[in-house]
Amino acid sequence: DCCGVSMLCRTRRRTEARAGRLRLAGVAESPSVLRLLRLTGLLS
C-alpha cells in the first residue's frame, strides 16, 4: 500500500543521499508491486 511505497521511496532517498545504490529485484514477479509503482509513476 502507500505506506510500503513510502518506505521504498524513503529508502531510495536515504541511499542516494549517502552516495549509495538501491535496486529492486523481482518487481516483474510481484504484480501488486509492479502495478502500484506504475500507477504512482514511480517505476522509473
ModelCIF file with pLDDT and N, C-alpha, C, O atoms, coordinates in Angstrom:
data_MODEL
#
_entry.id   MODEL 
#
_entity.id                         1 
_entity.type                       polymer 
_entity.pdbx_number_of_molecules   1 
#
_entity_poly.entity_id                      1 
_entity_poly.type                           'polypeptide(L)' 
_entity_poly.nstd_linkage                   no 
_entity_poly.nstd_monomer                   no 
_entity_poly.pdbx_seq_one_letter_code       DCCGVSMLCRTRRRTEARAGRLRLAGVAESPSVLRLLRLTGLLS 
_entity_poly.pdbx_seq_one_letter_code_can   DCCGVSMLCRTRRRTEARAGRLRLAGVAESPSVLRLLRLTGLLS 
_entity_poly.pdbx_strand_id                 A 
#
loop_
_entity_poly_seq.entity_id 
_entity_poly_seq.num 
_entity_poly_seq.mon_id 
_entity_poly_seq.hetero 
1 1  ASP n 
1 2  CYS n 
1 3  CYS n 
1 4  GLY n 
1 5  VAL n 
1 6  SER n 
1 7  MET n 
1 8  LEU n 
1 9  CYS n 
1 10 ARG n 
1 11 THR n 
1 12 ARG n 
1 13 ARG n 
1 14 ARG n 
1 15 THR n 
1 16 GLU n 
1 17 ALA n 
1 18 ARG n 
1 19 ALA n 
1 20 GLY n 
1 21 ARG n 
1 22 LEU n 
1 23 ARG n 
1 24 LEU n 
1 25 ALA n 
1 26 GLY n 
1 27 VAL n 
1 28 ALA n 
1 29 GLU n 
1 30 SER n 
1 31 PRO n 
1 32 SER n 
1 33 VAL n 
1 34 LEU n 
1 35 ARG n 
1 36 LEU n 
1 37 LEU n 
1 38 ARG n 
1 39 LEU n 
1 40 THR n 
1 41 GLY n 
1 42 LEU n 
1 43 LEU n 
1 44 SER n 
#
_struct_asym.id          A 
_struct_asym.entity_id   1 
#
loop_
_ma_qa_metric.id 
_ma_qa_metric.mode 
_ma_qa_metric.name 
_ma_qa_metric.software_group_id 
_ma_qa_metric.type 
1 global pLDDT . pLDDT 
2 local  pLDDT . pLDDT 
#
_ma_qa_metric_global.metric_id      1 
_ma_qa_metric_global.metric_value   96.11 
_ma_qa_metric_global.model_id       1 
_ma_qa_metric_global.ordinal_id     1 
#
loop_
_ma_qa_metric_local.label_asym_id 
_ma_qa_metric_local.label_comp_id 
_ma_qa_metric_local.label_seq_id 
_ma_qa_metric_local.metric_id 
_ma_qa_metric_local.metric_value 
_ma_qa_metric_local.model_id 
_ma_qa_metric_local.ordinal_id 
A ASP 1  2 96.00 1 1  
A CYS 2  2 95.00 1 2  
A CYS 3  2 96.00 1 3  
A GLY 4  2 97.00 1 4  
A VAL 5  2 97.00 1 5  
A SER 6  2 97.00 1 6  
A MET 7  2 97.00 1 7  
A LEU 8  2 97.00 1 8  
A CYS 9  2 97.00 1 9  
A ARG 10 2 97.00 1 10 
A THR 11 2 97.00 1 11 
A ARG 12 2 97.00 1 12 
A ARG 13 2 97.00 1 13 
A ARG 14 2 97.00 1 14 
A THR 15 2 97.00 1 15 
A GLU 16 2 96.00 1 16 
A ALA 17 2 96.00 1 17 
A ARG 18 2 96.00 1 18 
A ALA 19 2 96.00 1 19 
A GLY 20 2 96.00 1 20 
A ARG 21 2 96.00 1 21 
A LEU 22 2 97.00 1 22 
A ARG 23 2 97.00 1 23 
A LEU 24 2 97.00 1 24 
A ALA 25 2 97.00 1 25 
A GLY 26 2 96.00 1 26 
A VAL 27 2 96.00 1 27 
A ALA 28 2 93.00 1 28 
A GLU 29 2 94.00 1 29 
A SER 30 2 95.00 1 30 
A PRO 31 2 95.00 1 31 
A SER 32 2 96.00 1 32 
A VAL 33 2 97.00 1 33 
A LEU 34 2 96.00 1 34 
A ARG 35 2 96.00 1 35 
A LEU 36 2 96.00 1 36 
A LEU 37 2 96.00 1 37 
A ARG 38 2 96.00 1 38 
A LEU 39 2 95.00 1 39 
A THR 40 2 96.00 1 40 
A GLY 41 2 96.00 1 41 
A LEU 42 2 96.00 1 42 
A LEU 43 2 95.00 1 43 
A SER 44 2 94.00 1 44 
#
loop_
_atom_site.group_PDB 
_atom_site.id 
_atom_site.type_symbol 
_atom_site.label_atom_id 
_atom_site.label_alt_id 
_atom_site.label_comp_id 
_atom_site.label_asym_id 
_atom_site.label_entity_id 
_atom_site.label_seq_id 
_atom_site.pdbx_PDB_ins_code 
_atom_site.Cartn_x 
_atom_site.Cartn_y 
_atom_site.Cartn_z 
_atom_site.occupancy 
_atom_site.B_iso_or_equiv 
_atom_site.pdbx_formal_charge 
_atom_site.auth_seq_id 
_atom_site.auth_comp_id 
_atom_site.auth_asym_id 
_atom_site.auth_atom_id 
_atom_site.pdbx_PDB_model_num 
ATOM 1   N N  . ASP A 1 1  ? 0.845  -1.187  0.000   1.00 96.00 ? 1  ASP A N  1 
ATOM 2   C CA . ASP A 1 1  ? 0.000  0.000   0.000   1.00 96.00 ? 1  ASP A CA 1 
ATOM 3   C C  . ASP A 1 1  ? 0.886  1.244   0.000   1.00 96.00 ? 1  ASP A C  1 
ATOM 4   O O  . ASP A 1 1  ? 2.101  1.153   -0.175  1.00 96.00 ? 1  ASP A O  1 
ATOM 5   N N  . CYS A 1 2  ? 0.266  2.405   0.198   1.00 95.00 ? 2  CYS A N  1 
ATOM 6   C CA . CYS A 1 2  ? 1.017  3.654   0.136   1.00 95.00 ? 2  CYS A CA 1 
ATOM 7   C C  . CYS A 1 2  ? 2.103  3.731   1.212   1.00 95.00 ? 2  CYS A C  1 
ATOM 8   O O  . CYS A 1 2  ? 3.134  4.366   0.995   1.00 95.00 ? 2  CYS A O  1 
ATOM 9   N N  . CYS A 1 3  ? 1.891  3.104   2.350   1.00 96.00 ? 3  CYS A N  1 
ATOM 10  C CA . CYS A 1 3  ? 2.928  3.098   3.394   1.00 96.00 ? 3  CYS A CA 1 
ATOM 11  C C  . CYS A 1 3  ? 4.143  2.292   2.939   1.00 96.00 ? 3  CYS A C  1 
ATOM 12  O O  . CYS A 1 3  ? 5.281  2.673   3.216   1.00 96.00 ? 3  CYS A O  1 
ATOM 13  N N  . GLY A 1 4  ? 3.905  1.182   2.243   1.00 97.00 ? 4  GLY A N  1 
ATOM 14  C CA . GLY A 1 4  ? 5.000  0.381   1.704   1.00 97.00 ? 4  GLY A CA 1 
ATOM 15  C C  . GLY A 1 4  ? 5.763  1.134   0.633   1.00 97.00 ? 4  GLY A C  1 
ATOM 16  O O  . GLY A 1 4  ? 6.993  1.086   0.598   1.00 97.00 ? 4  GLY A O  1 
ATOM 17  N N  . VAL A 1 5  ? 5.048  1.832   -0.245  1.00 97.00 ? 5  VAL A N  1 
ATOM 18  C CA . VAL A 1 5  ? 5.697  2.628   -1.288  1.00 97.00 ? 5  VAL A CA 1 
ATOM 19  C C  . VAL A 1 5  ? 6.483  3.770   -0.653  1.00 97.00 ? 5  VAL A C  1 
ATOM 20  O O  . VAL A 1 5  ? 7.590  4.086   -1.089  1.00 97.00 ? 5  VAL A O  1 
ATOM 21  N N  . SER A 1 6  ? 5.917  4.379   0.366   1.00 97.00 ? 6  SER A N  1 
ATOM 22  C CA . SER A 1 6  ? 6.622  5.444   1.074   1.00 97.00 ? 6  SER A CA 1 
ATOM 23  C C  . SER A 1 6  ? 7.930  4.925   1.671   1.00 97.00 ? 6  SER A C  1 
ATOM 24  O O  . SER A 1 6  ? 8.953  5.608   1.627   1.00 97.00 ? 6  SER A O  1 
ATOM 25  N N  . MET A 1 7  ? 7.890  3.712   2.230   1.00 97.00 ? 7  MET A N  1 
ATOM 26  C CA . MET A 1 7  ? 9.090  3.095   2.784   1.00 97.00 ? 7  MET A CA 1 
ATOM 27  C C  . MET A 1 7  ? 10.145 2.891   1.681   1.00 97.00 ? 7  MET A C  1 
ATOM 28  O O  . MET A 1 7  ? 11.329 3.149   1.899   1.00 97.00 ? 7  MET A O  1 
ATOM 29  N N  . LEU A 1 8  ? 9.713  2.430   0.506   1.00 97.00 ? 8  LEU A N  1 
ATOM 30  C CA . LEU A 1 8  ? 10.640 2.248   -0.615  1.00 97.00 ? 8  LEU A CA 1 
ATOM 31  C C  . LEU A 1 8  ? 11.256 3.578   -1.033  1.00 97.00 ? 8  LEU A C  1 
ATOM 32  O O  . LEU A 1 8  ? 12.458 3.663   -1.281  1.00 97.00 ? 8  LEU A O  1 
ATOM 33  N N  . CYS A 1 9  ? 10.423 4.620   -1.110  1.00 97.00 ? 9  CYS A N  1 
ATOM 34  C CA . CYS A 1 9  ? 10.922 5.938   -1.515  1.00 97.00 ? 9  CYS A CA 1 
ATOM 35  C C  . CYS A 1 9  ? 11.895 6.510   -0.484  1.00 97.00 ? 9  CYS A C  1 
ATOM 36  O O  . CYS A 1 9  ? 12.924 7.079   -0.849  1.00 97.00 ? 9  CYS A O  1 
ATOM 37  N N  . ARG A 1 10 ? 11.575 6.362   0.788   1.00 97.00 ? 10 ARG A N  1 
ATOM 38  C CA . ARG A 1 10 ? 12.476 6.838   1.846   1.00 97.00 ? 10 ARG A CA 1 
ATOM 39  C C  . ARG A 1 10 ? 13.816 6.109   1.764   1.00 97.00 ? 10 ARG A C  1 
ATOM 40  O O  . ARG A 1 10 ? 14.875 6.722   1.899   1.00 97.00 ? 10 ARG A O  1 
ATOM 41  N N  . THR A 1 11 ? 13.761 4.807   1.545   1.00 97.00 ? 11 THR A N  1 
ATOM 42  C CA . THR A 1 11 ? 14.993 4.019   1.428   1.00 97.00 ? 11 THR A CA 1 
ATOM 43  C C  . THR A 1 11 ? 15.808 4.491   0.231   1.00 97.00 ? 11 THR A C  1 
ATOM 44  O O  . THR A 1 11 ? 17.030 4.609   0.322   1.00 97.00 ? 11 THR A O  1 
ATOM 45  N N  . ARG A 1 12 ? 15.147 4.761   -0.886  1.00 97.00 ? 12 ARG A N  1 
ATOM 46  C CA . ARG A 1 12 ? 15.840 5.259   -2.082  1.00 97.00 ? 12 ARG A CA 1 
ATOM 47  C C  . ARG A 1 12 ? 16.489 6.614   -1.801  1.00 97.00 ? 12 ARG A C  1 
ATOM 48  O O  . ARG A 1 12 ? 17.657 6.822   -2.132  1.00 97.00 ? 12 ARG A O  1 
ATOM 49  N N  . ARG A 1 13 ? 15.744 7.529   -1.196  1.00 97.00 ? 13 ARG A N  1 
ATOM 50  C CA . ARG A 1 13 ? 16.289 8.864   -0.896  1.00 97.00 ? 13 ARG A CA 1 
ATOM 51  C C  . ARG A 1 13 ? 17.494 8.780   0.040   1.00 97.00 ? 13 ARG A C  1 
ATOM 52  O O  . ARG A 1 13 ? 18.508 9.438   -0.193  1.00 97.00 ? 13 ARG A O  1 
ATOM 53  N N  . ARG A 1 14 ? 17.387 7.978   1.089   1.00 97.00 ? 14 ARG A N  1 
ATOM 54  C CA . ARG A 1 14 ? 18.490 7.840   2.046   1.00 97.00 ? 14 ARG A CA 1 
ATOM 55  C C  . ARG A 1 14 ? 19.724 7.219   1.382   1.00 97.00 ? 14 ARG A C  1 
ATOM 56  O O  . ARG A 1 14 ? 20.854 7.622   1.657   1.00 97.00 ? 14 ARG A O  1 
ATOM 57  N N  . THR A 1 15 ? 19.500 6.250   0.520   1.00 97.00 ? 15 THR A N  1 
ATOM 58  C CA . THR A 1 15 ? 20.611 5.607   -0.179  1.00 97.00 ? 15 THR A CA 1 
ATOM 59  C C  . THR A 1 15 ? 21.309 6.597   -1.097  1.00 97.00 ? 15 THR A C  1 
ATOM 60  O O  . THR A 1 15 ? 22.537 6.692   -1.094  1.00 97.00 ? 15 THR A O  1 
ATOM 61  N N  . GLU A 1 16 ? 20.535 7.334   -1.882  1.00 96.00 ? 16 GLU A N  1 
ATOM 62  C CA . GLU A 1 16 ? 21.118 8.309   -2.802  1.00 96.00 ? 16 GLU A CA 1 
ATOM 63  C C  . GLU A 1 16 ? 21.835 9.426   -2.054  1.00 96.00 ? 16 GLU A C  1 
ATOM 64  O O  . GLU A 1 16 ? 22.882 9.893   -2.503  1.00 96.00 ? 16 GLU A O  1 
ATOM 65  N N  . ALA A 1 17 ? 21.287 9.862   -0.915  1.00 96.00 ? 17 ALA A N  1 
ATOM 66  C CA . ALA A 1 17 ? 21.905 10.935  -0.136  1.00 96.00 ? 17 ALA A CA 1 
ATOM 67  C C  . ALA A 1 17 ? 23.276 10.536  0.400   1.00 96.00 ? 17 ALA A C  1 
ATOM 68  O O  . ALA A 1 17 ? 24.103 11.397  0.702   1.00 96.00 ? 17 ALA A O  1 
ATOM 69  N N  . ARG A 1 18 ? 23.517 9.228   0.519   1.00 96.00 ? 18 ARG A N  1 
ATOM 70  C CA . ARG A 1 18 ? 24.794 8.736   1.019   1.00 96.00 ? 18 ARG A CA 1 
ATOM 71  C C  . ARG A 1 18 ? 25.643 8.116   -0.083  1.00 96.00 ? 18 ARG A C  1 
ATOM 72  O O  . ARG A 1 18 ? 26.518 7.289   0.174   1.00 96.00 ? 18 ARG A O  1 
ATOM 73  N N  . ALA A 1 19 ? 25.365 8.533   -1.315  1.00 96.00 ? 19 ALA A N  1 
ATOM 74  C CA . ALA A 1 19 ? 26.106 8.080   -2.500  1.00 96.00 ? 19 ALA A CA 1 
ATOM 75  C C  . ALA A 1 19 ? 26.106 6.563   -2.622  1.00 96.00 ? 19 ALA A C  1 
ATOM 76  O O  . ALA A 1 19 ? 27.104 5.961   -3.017  1.00 96.00 ? 19 ALA A O  1 
ATOM 77  N N  . GLY A 1 20 ? 24.976 5.953   -2.278  1.00 96.00 ? 20 GLY A N  1 
ATOM 78  C CA . GLY A 1 20 ? 24.846 4.505   -2.363  1.00 96.00 ? 20 GLY A CA 1 
ATOM 79  C C  . GLY A 1 20 ? 23.999 4.085   -3.546  1.00 96.00 ? 20 GLY A C  1 
ATOM 80  O O  . GLY A 1 20 ? 23.730 4.871   -4.454  1.00 96.00 ? 20 GLY A O  1 
ATOM 81  N N  . ARG A 1 21 ? 23.585 2.824   -3.516  1.00 96.00 ? 21 ARG A N  1 
ATOM 82  C CA . ARG A 1 21 ? 22.806 2.265   -4.612  1.00 96.00 ? 21 ARG A CA 1 
ATOM 83  C C  . ARG A 1 21 ? 21.716 1.356   -4.050  1.00 96.00 ? 21 ARG A C  1 
ATOM 84  O O  . ARG A 1 21 ? 21.971 0.504   -3.199  1.00 96.00 ? 21 ARG A O  1 
ATOM 85  N N  . LEU A 1 22 ? 20.498 1.556   -4.545  1.00 97.00 ? 22 LEU A N  1 
ATOM 86  C CA . LEU A 1 22 ? 19.360 0.715   -4.194  1.00 97.00 ? 22 LEU A CA 1 
ATOM 87  C C  . LEU A 1 22 ? 18.812 0.122   -5.484  1.00 97.00 ? 22 LEU A C  1 
ATOM 88  O O  . LEU A 1 22 ? 18.599 0.827   -6.470  1.00 97.00 ? 22 LEU A O  1 
ATOM 89  N N  . ARG A 1 23 ? 18.587 -1.190  -5.456  1.00 97.00 ? 23 ARG A N  1 
ATOM 90  C CA . ARG A 1 23 ? 17.941 -1.865  -6.578  1.00 97.00 ? 23 ARG A CA 1 
ATOM 91  C C  . ARG A 1 23 ? 16.758 -2.659  -6.063  1.00 97.00 ? 23 ARG A C  1 
ATOM 92  O O  . ARG A 1 23 ? 16.794 -3.190  -4.953  1.00 97.00 ? 23 ARG A O  1 
ATOM 93  N N  . LEU A 1 24 ? 15.716 -2.740  -6.866  1.00 97.00 ? 24 LEU A N  1 
ATOM 94  C CA . LEU A 1 24 ? 14.577 -3.596  -6.565  1.00 97.00 ? 24 LEU A CA 1 
ATOM 95  C C  . LEU A 1 24 ? 14.670 -4.816  -7.454  1.00 97.00 ? 24 LEU A C  1 
ATOM 96  O O  . LEU A 1 24 ? 14.815 -4.696  -8.670  1.00 97.00 ? 24 LEU A O  1 
ATOM 97  N N  . ALA A 1 25 ? 14.587 -5.983  -6.857  1.00 97.00 ? 25 ALA A N  1 
ATOM 98  C CA . ALA A 1 25 ? 14.606 -7.243  -7.611  1.00 97.00 ? 25 ALA A CA 1 
ATOM 99  C C  . ALA A 1 25 ? 13.229 -7.881  -7.509  1.00 97.00 ? 25 ALA A C  1 
ATOM 100 O O  . ALA A 1 25 ? 12.539 -7.726  -6.501  1.00 97.00 ? 25 ALA A O  1 
ATOM 101 N N  . GLY A 1 26 ? 12.834 -8.595  -8.549  1.00 96.00 ? 26 GLY A N  1 
ATOM 102 C CA . GLY A 1 26 ? 11.595 -9.348  -8.522  1.00 96.00 ? 26 GLY A CA 1 
ATOM 103 C C  . GLY A 1 26 ? 10.336 -8.538  -8.745  1.00 96.00 ? 26 GLY A C  1 
ATOM 104 O O  . GLY A 1 26 ? 9.241  -9.023  -8.461  1.00 96.00 ? 26 GLY A O  1 
ATOM 105 N N  . VAL A 1 27 ? 10.455 -7.324  -9.244  1.00 96.00 ? 27 VAL A N  1 
ATOM 106 C CA . VAL A 1 27 ? 9.275  -6.491  -9.461  1.00 96.00 ? 27 VAL A CA 1 
ATOM 107 C C  . VAL A 1 27 ? 8.337  -7.145  -10.479 1.00 96.00 ? 27 VAL A C  1 
ATOM 108 O O  . VAL A 1 27 ? 7.120  -7.114  -10.300 1.00 96.00 ? 27 VAL A O  1 
ATOM 109 N N  . ALA A 1 28 ? 8.877  -7.728  -11.528 1.00 93.00 ? 28 ALA A N  1 
ATOM 110 C CA . ALA A 1 28 ? 8.039  -8.366  -12.547 1.00 93.00 ? 28 ALA A CA 1 
ATOM 111 C C  . ALA A 1 28 ? 7.295  -9.571  -12.001 1.00 93.00 ? 28 ALA A C  1 
ATOM 112 O O  . ALA A 1 28 ? 6.242  -9.935  -12.526 1.00 93.00 ? 28 ALA A O  1 
ATOM 113 N N  . GLU A 1 29 ? 7.827  -10.204 -10.944 1.00 94.00 ? 29 GLU A N  1 
ATOM 114 C CA . GLU A 1 29 ? 7.198  -11.378 -10.349 1.00 94.00 ? 29 GLU A CA 1 
ATOM 115 C C  . GLU A 1 29 ? 6.203  -11.016 -9.256  1.00 94.00 ? 29 GLU A C  1 
ATOM 116 O O  . GLU A 1 29 ? 5.549  -11.899 -8.702  1.00 94.00 ? 29 GLU A O  1 
ATOM 117 N N  . SER A 1 30 ? 6.077  -9.734  -8.937  1.00 95.00 ? 30 SER A N  1 
ATOM 118 C CA . SER A 1 30 ? 5.138  -9.277  -7.907  1.00 95.00 ? 30 SER A CA 1 
ATOM 119 C C  . SER A 1 30 ? 4.137  -8.311  -8.546  1.00 95.00 ? 30 SER A C  1 
ATOM 120 O O  . SER A 1 30 ? 4.381  -7.105  -8.598  1.00 95.00 ? 30 SER A O  1 
ATOM 121 N N  . PRO A 1 31 ? 3.023  -8.837  -9.026  1.00 95.00 ? 31 PRO A N  1 
ATOM 122 C CA . PRO A 1 31 ? 2.051  -7.975  -9.708  1.00 95.00 ? 31 PRO A CA 1 
ATOM 123 C C  . PRO A 1 31 ? 1.588  -6.795  -8.856  1.00 95.00 ? 31 PRO A C  1 
ATOM 124 O O  . PRO A 1 31 ? 1.345  -5.717  -9.399  1.00 95.00 ? 31 PRO A O  1 
ATOM 125 N N  . SER A 1 32 ? 1.460  -6.965  -7.553  1.00 96.00 ? 32 SER A N  1 
ATOM 126 C CA . SER A 1 32 ? 0.986  -5.860  -6.714  1.00 96.00 ? 32 SER A CA 1 
ATOM 127 C C  . SER A 1 32 ? 2.010  -4.726  -6.658  1.00 96.00 ? 32 SER A C  1 
ATOM 128 O O  . SER A 1 32 ? 1.638  -3.554  -6.720  1.00 96.00 ? 32 SER A O  1 
ATOM 129 N N  . VAL A 1 33 ? 3.291  -5.064  -6.543  1.00 97.00 ? 33 VAL A N  1 
ATOM 130 C CA . VAL A 1 33 ? 4.333  -4.032  -6.510  1.00 97.00 ? 33 VAL A CA 1 
ATOM 131 C C  . VAL A 1 33 ? 4.433  -3.358  -7.874  1.00 97.00 ? 33 VAL A C  1 
ATOM 132 O O  . VAL A 1 33 ? 4.473  -2.131  -7.961  1.00 97.00 ? 33 VAL A O  1 
ATOM 133 N N  . LEU A 1 34 ? 4.473  -4.150  -8.930  1.00 96.00 ? 34 LEU A N  1 
ATOM 134 C CA . LEU A 1 34 ? 4.579  -3.598  -10.278 1.00 96.00 ? 34 LEU A CA 1 
ATOM 135 C C  . LEU A 1 34 ? 3.411  -2.662  -10.568 1.00 96.00 ? 34 LEU A C  1 
ATOM 136 O O  . LEU A 1 34 ? 3.612  -1.560  -11.079 1.00 96.00 ? 34 LEU A O  1 
ATOM 137 N N  . ARG A 1 35 ? 2.214  -3.085  -10.250 1.00 96.00 ? 35 ARG A N  1 
ATOM 138 C CA . ARG A 1 35 ? 1.024  -2.291  -10.534 1.00 96.00 ? 35 ARG A CA 1 
ATOM 139 C C  . ARG A 1 35 ? 1.058  -0.973  -9.765  1.00 96.00 ? 35 ARG A C  1 
ATOM 140 O O  . ARG A 1 35 ? 0.787  0.078   -10.346 1.00 96.00 ? 35 ARG A O  1 
ATOM 141 N N  . LEU A 1 36 ? 1.383  -1.001  -8.479  1.00 96.00 ? 36 LEU A N  1 
ATOM 142 C CA . LEU A 1 36 ? 1.373  0.223   -7.687  1.00 96.00 ? 36 LEU A CA 1 
ATOM 143 C C  . LEU A 1 36 ? 2.486  1.183   -8.111  1.00 96.00 ? 36 LEU A C  1 
ATOM 144 O O  . LEU A 1 36 ? 2.274  2.395   -8.143  1.00 96.00 ? 36 LEU A O  1 
ATOM 145 N N  . LEU A 1 37 ? 3.660  0.659   -8.433  1.00 96.00 ? 37 LEU A N  1 
ATOM 146 C CA . LEU A 1 37 ? 4.735  1.536   -8.903  1.00 96.00 ? 37 LEU A CA 1 
ATOM 147 C C  . LEU A 1 37 ? 4.360  2.178   -10.234 1.00 96.00 ? 37 LEU A C  1 
ATOM 148 O O  . LEU A 1 37 ? 4.697  3.336   -10.481 1.00 96.00 ? 37 LEU A O  1 
ATOM 149 N N  . ARG A 1 38 ? 3.664  1.434   -11.093 1.00 96.00 ? 38 ARG A N  1 
ATOM 150 C CA . ARG A 1 38 ? 3.198  2.010   -12.362 1.00 96.00 ? 38 ARG A CA 1 
ATOM 151 C C  . ARG A 1 38 ? 2.118  3.062   -12.123 1.00 96.00 ? 38 ARG A C  1 
ATOM 152 O O  . ARG A 1 38 ? 2.172  4.150   -12.695 1.00 96.00 ? 38 ARG A O  1 
ATOM 153 N N  . LEU A 1 39 ? 1.140  2.740   -11.283 1.00 95.00 ? 39 LEU A N  1 
ATOM 154 C CA . LEU A 1 39 ? 0.035  3.674   -11.024 1.00 95.00 ? 39 LEU A CA 1 
ATOM 155 C C  . LEU A 1 39 ? 0.525  4.984   -10.427 1.00 95.00 ? 39 LEU A C  1 
ATOM 156 O O  . LEU A 1 39 ? -0.022 6.045   -10.728 1.00 95.00 ? 39 LEU A O  1 
ATOM 157 N N  . THR A 1 40 ? 1.538  4.920   -9.593  1.00 96.00 ? 40 THR A N  1 
ATOM 158 C CA . THR A 1 40 ? 2.062  6.121   -8.935  1.00 96.00 ? 40 THR A CA 1 
ATOM 159 C C  . THR A 1 40 ? 3.104  6.841   -9.788  1.00 96.00 ? 40 THR A C  1 
ATOM 160 O O  . THR A 1 40 ? 3.540  7.938   -9.438  1.00 96.00 ? 40 THR A O  1 
ATOM 161 N N  . GLY A 1 41 ? 3.503  6.236   -10.896 1.00 96.00 ? 41 GLY A N  1 
ATOM 162 C CA . GLY A 1 41 ? 4.531  6.845   -11.740 1.00 96.00 ? 41 GLY A CA 1 
ATOM 163 C C  . GLY A 1 41 ? 5.930  6.696   -11.170 1.00 96.00 ? 41 GLY A C  1 
ATOM 164 O O  . GLY A 1 41 ? 6.853  7.384   -11.606 1.00 96.00 ? 41 GLY A O  1 
ATOM 165 N N  . LEU A 1 42 ? 6.097  5.809   -10.204 1.00 96.00 ? 42 LEU A N  1 
ATOM 166 C CA . LEU A 1 42 ? 7.392  5.654   -9.540  1.00 96.00 ? 42 LEU A CA 1 
ATOM 167 C C  . LEU A 1 42 ? 8.253  4.534   -10.116 1.00 96.00 ? 42 LEU A C  1 
ATOM 168 O O  . LEU A 1 42 ? 9.387  4.351   -9.674  1.00 96.00 ? 42 LEU A O  1 
ATOM 169 N N  . LEU A 1 43 ? 7.753  3.792   -11.076 1.00 95.00 ? 43 LEU A N  1 
ATOM 170 C CA . LEU A 1 43 ? 8.515  2.665   -11.605 1.00 95.00 ? 43 LEU A CA 1 
ATOM 171 C C  . LEU A 1 43 ? 9.875  3.116   -12.131 1.00 95.00 ? 43 LEU A C  1 
ATOM 172 O O  . LEU A 1 43 ? 10.880 2.438   -11.916 1.00 95.00 ? 43 LEU A O  1 
ATOM 173 N N  . SER A 1 44 ? 9.909  4.246   -12.812 1.00 94.00 ? 44 SER A N  1 
ATOM 174 C CA . SER A 1 44 ? 11.180 4.719   -13.382 1.00 94.00 ? 44 SER A CA 1 
ATOM 175 C C  . SER A 1 44 ? 12.101 5.343   -12.330 1.00 94.00 ? 44 SER A C  1 
ATOM 176 O O  . SER A 1 44 ? 13.202 5.784   -12.657 1.00 94.00 ? 44 SER A O  1 
#
